[in-house]
Amino acid sequence: MLLLLAALLLPVLHAAAQSEAPEMADVLRQNGKIYVVVAVITVVLAGLLAFLISLDRKVSRLEQELKDQ
């Protein structure tokens, strides 16, 4: 169990220990494409949120129908 925990934590610690800034983000920011990335992430998260709200309404409706029977 401890070996599994160490195997999962070592890559995270190694990545956190690197002092260099991410070059890809700098390049995207210079080219103005960072806004495209942010827009895509926003659209995906908004879609997920809309799906979860829709799913919650459907489940609530089904729960209410079961309660009324």
N, C-alpha and C. Protein backbone atom coordinates (compact mmCIF):
# COMPACT_ATOMS: atom_id res chain seq x y z
N MET A 1 0.82 -1.19 0.00
CA MET A 1 0.00 0.00 0.00
C MET A 1 0.87 1.25 0.00
N LEU A 2 1.90 1.23 0.81
CA LEU A 2 2.81 2.37 0.88
C LEU A 2 3.56 2.55 -0.43
N LEU A 3 3.90 1.44 -1.08
CA LEU A 3 4.59 1.51 -2.37
C LEU A 3 3.68 2.14 -3.43
N LEU A 4 2.41 1.79 -3.42
CA LEU A 4 1.46 2.38 -4.36
C LEU A 4 1.32 3.88 -4.12
N LEU A 5 1.24 4.27 -2.87
CA LEU A 5 1.13 5.69 -2.53
C LEU A 5 2.37 6.45 -2.99
N ALA A 6 3.54 5.86 -2.78
CA ALA A 6 4.79 6.51 -3.22
C ALA A 6 4.84 6.61 -4.74
N ALA A 7 4.37 5.57 -5.43
CA ALA A 7 4.38 5.59 -6.89
C ALA A 7 3.45 6.66 -7.44
N LEU A 8 2.38 6.96 -6.73
CA LEU A 8 1.45 7.99 -7.18
C LEU A 8 1.92 9.40 -6.83
N LEU A 9 2.62 9.54 -5.73
CA LEU A 9 3.03 10.86 -5.27
C LEU A 9 4.34 11.35 -5.87
N LEU A 10 5.24 10.44 -6.22
CA LEU A 10 6.54 10.86 -6.73
C LEU A 10 6.46 11.70 -8.01
N PRO A 11 5.65 11.32 -9.00
CA PRO A 11 5.57 12.19 -10.18
C PRO A 11 5.01 13.58 -9.88
N VAL A 12 4.10 13.65 -8.94
CA VAL A 12 3.53 14.95 -8.57
C VAL A 12 4.59 15.81 -7.90
N LEU A 13 5.35 15.22 -7.00
CA LEU A 13 6.40 15.97 -6.32
C LEU A 13 7.49 16.39 -7.29
N HIS A 14 7.81 15.53 -8.23
CA HIS A 14 8.83 15.86 -9.23
C HIS A 14 8.37 17.03 -10.09
N ALA A 15 7.12 17.03 -10.49
CA ALA A 15 6.59 18.12 -11.31
C ALA A 15 6.55 19.43 -10.52
N ALA A 16 6.23 19.35 -9.25
CA ALA A 16 6.16 20.54 -8.42
C ALA A 16 7.54 21.11 -8.13
N ALA A 17 8.55 20.26 -8.17
CA ALA A 17 9.91 20.70 -7.86
C ALA A 17 10.57 21.42 -9.02
N GLN A 18 10.03 21.30 -10.21
CA GLN A 18 10.63 21.97 -11.35
C GLN A 18 10.39 23.47 -11.24
N SER A 19 11.44 24.24 -11.45
CA SER A 19 11.32 25.68 -11.27
C SER A 19 11.05 26.42 -12.58
N GLU A 20 11.11 25.74 -13.71
CA GLU A 20 10.89 26.40 -14.98
C GLU A 20 9.40 26.68 -15.20
N ALA A 21 9.12 27.80 -15.81
CA ALA A 21 7.74 28.14 -16.14
C ALA A 21 7.32 27.33 -17.36
N PRO A 22 6.05 27.00 -17.47
CA PRO A 22 5.59 26.23 -18.63
C PRO A 22 5.74 27.04 -19.91
N GLU A 23 6.50 26.49 -20.84
CA GLU A 23 6.77 27.21 -22.08
C GLU A 23 5.54 27.26 -22.99
N MET A 24 4.72 26.21 -22.96
CA MET A 24 3.57 26.17 -23.84
C MET A 24 2.60 27.31 -23.54
N ALA A 25 2.39 27.60 -22.26
CA ALA A 25 1.48 28.68 -21.89
C ALA A 25 2.02 30.02 -22.37
N ASP A 26 3.33 30.22 -22.29
CA ASP A 26 3.92 31.46 -22.76
C ASP A 26 3.75 31.62 -24.27
N VAL A 27 3.97 30.53 -25.00
CA VAL A 27 3.83 30.58 -26.46
C VAL A 27 2.38 30.86 -26.84
N LEU A 28 1.44 30.20 -26.18
CA LEU A 28 0.03 30.42 -26.47
C LEU A 28 -0.38 31.85 -26.15
N ARG A 29 0.16 32.38 -25.07
CA ARG A 29 -0.17 33.75 -24.68
C ARG A 29 0.40 34.74 -25.70
N GLN A 30 1.62 34.50 -26.17
CA GLN A 30 2.23 35.40 -27.15
C GLN A 30 1.47 35.39 -28.47
N ASN A 31 0.99 34.21 -28.87
CA ASN A 31 0.28 34.10 -30.14
C ASN A 31 -1.19 34.49 -30.04
N GLY A 32 -1.67 34.73 -28.83
CA GLY A 32 -3.07 35.09 -28.65
C GLY A 32 -4.00 33.89 -28.67
N LYS A 33 -3.45 32.69 -28.69
CA LYS A 33 -4.28 31.49 -28.75
C LYS A 33 -4.74 31.03 -27.37
N ILE A 34 -4.22 31.65 -26.33
CA ILE A 34 -4.63 31.28 -24.99
C ILE A 34 -6.12 31.55 -24.80
N TYR A 35 -6.63 32.57 -25.50
CA TYR A 35 -8.05 32.89 -25.40
C TYR A 35 -8.91 31.79 -26.02
N VAL A 36 -8.39 31.15 -27.06
CA VAL A 36 -9.11 30.02 -27.66
C VAL A 36 -9.18 28.87 -26.68
N VAL A 37 -8.07 28.60 -26.00
CA VAL A 37 -8.03 27.52 -25.02
C VAL A 37 -9.01 27.80 -23.88
N VAL A 38 -9.00 29.03 -23.39
CA VAL A 38 -9.90 29.42 -22.30
C VAL A 38 -11.35 29.31 -22.76
N ALA A 39 -11.64 29.72 -23.99
CA ALA A 39 -13.00 29.65 -24.51
C ALA A 39 -13.47 28.20 -24.63
N VAL A 40 -12.61 27.32 -25.12
CA VAL A 40 -12.98 25.91 -25.25
C VAL A 40 -13.24 25.30 -23.89
N ILE A 41 -12.38 25.58 -22.93
CA ILE A 41 -12.57 25.05 -21.57
C ILE A 41 -13.87 25.57 -20.98
N THR A 42 -14.17 26.85 -21.21
CA THR A 42 -15.40 27.44 -20.69
C THR A 42 -16.64 26.78 -21.30
N VAL A 43 -16.59 26.55 -22.62
CA VAL A 43 -17.73 25.91 -23.29
C VAL A 43 -17.93 24.49 -22.78
N VAL A 44 -16.84 23.75 -22.60
CA VAL A 44 -16.95 22.37 -22.11
C VAL A 44 -17.52 22.35 -20.70
N LEU A 45 -17.03 23.22 -19.83
CA LEU A 45 -17.54 23.26 -18.46
C LEU A 45 -18.99 23.72 -18.41
N ALA A 46 -19.36 24.66 -19.25
CA ALA A 46 -20.75 25.11 -19.30
C ALA A 46 -21.66 23.98 -19.79
N GLY A 47 -21.19 23.21 -20.76
CA GLY A 47 -21.96 22.06 -21.24
C GLY A 47 -22.14 21.01 -20.16
N LEU A 48 -21.08 20.74 -19.41
CA LEU A 48 -21.19 19.79 -18.31
C LEU A 48 -22.16 20.28 -17.25
N LEU A 49 -22.09 21.55 -16.93
CA LEU A 49 -23.00 22.11 -15.93
C LEU A 49 -24.45 22.03 -16.40
N ALA A 50 -24.69 22.35 -17.66
CA ALA A 50 -26.05 22.25 -18.21
C ALA A 50 -26.55 20.81 -18.18
N PHE A 51 -25.67 19.87 -18.50
CA PHE A 51 -26.06 18.46 -18.47
C PHE A 51 -26.40 18.02 -17.05
N LEU A 52 -25.58 18.43 -16.08
CA LEU A 52 -25.85 18.05 -14.70
C LEU A 52 -27.15 18.66 -14.18
N ILE A 53 -27.43 19.89 -14.55
CA ILE A 53 -28.69 20.51 -14.14
C ILE A 53 -29.87 19.78 -14.76
N SER A 54 -29.76 19.44 -16.03
CA SER A 54 -30.82 18.70 -16.71
C SER A 54 -31.03 17.33 -16.06
N LEU A 55 -29.94 16.66 -15.75
CA LEU A 55 -30.01 15.35 -15.13
C LEU A 55 -30.64 15.44 -13.74
N ASP A 56 -30.29 16.48 -12.99
CA ASP A 56 -30.86 16.66 -11.66
C ASP A 56 -32.37 16.89 -11.73
N ARG A 57 -32.80 17.67 -12.71
CA ARG A 57 -34.25 17.91 -12.86
C ARG A 57 -34.98 16.62 -13.21
N LYS A 58 -34.39 15.80 -14.08
CA LYS A 58 -35.03 14.53 -14.45
C LYS A 58 -35.12 13.59 -13.25
N VAL A 59 -34.05 13.53 -12.49
CA VAL A 59 -34.05 12.64 -11.31
C VAL A 59 -35.06 13.15 -10.28
N SER A 60 -35.12 14.45 -10.08
CA SER A 60 -36.09 15.01 -9.14
C SER A 60 -37.51 14.70 -9.57
N ARG A 61 -37.77 14.81 -10.87
CA ARG A 61 -39.11 14.51 -11.38
C ARG A 61 -39.45 13.04 -11.17
N LEU A 62 -38.49 12.15 -11.42
CA LEU A 62 -38.74 10.73 -11.20
C LEU A 62 -38.94 10.41 -9.72
N GLU A 63 -38.19 11.07 -8.85
CA GLU A 63 -38.37 10.87 -7.42
C GLU A 63 -39.76 11.33 -6.98
N GLN A 64 -40.20 12.43 -7.52
CA GLN A 64 -41.52 12.94 -7.17
C GLN A 64 -42.61 12.00 -7.66
N GLU A 65 -42.45 11.44 -8.87
CA GLU A 65 -43.43 10.48 -9.38
C GLU A 65 -43.48 9.23 -8.51
N LEU A 66 -42.34 8.76 -8.04
CA LEU A 66 -42.32 7.58 -7.18
C LEU A 66 -42.95 7.89 -5.82
N LYS A 67 -42.73 9.11 -5.33
CA LYS A 67 -43.29 9.49 -4.06
C LYS A 67 -44.81 9.60 -4.12
N ASP A 68 -45.34 10.05 -5.25
CA ASP A 68 -46.78 10.25 -5.42
C ASP A 68 -47.53 8.94 -5.60
N GLN A 69 -46.87 7.88 -5.99
CA GLN A 69 -47.56 6.61 -6.26
C GLN A 69 -48.00 5.93 -5.01
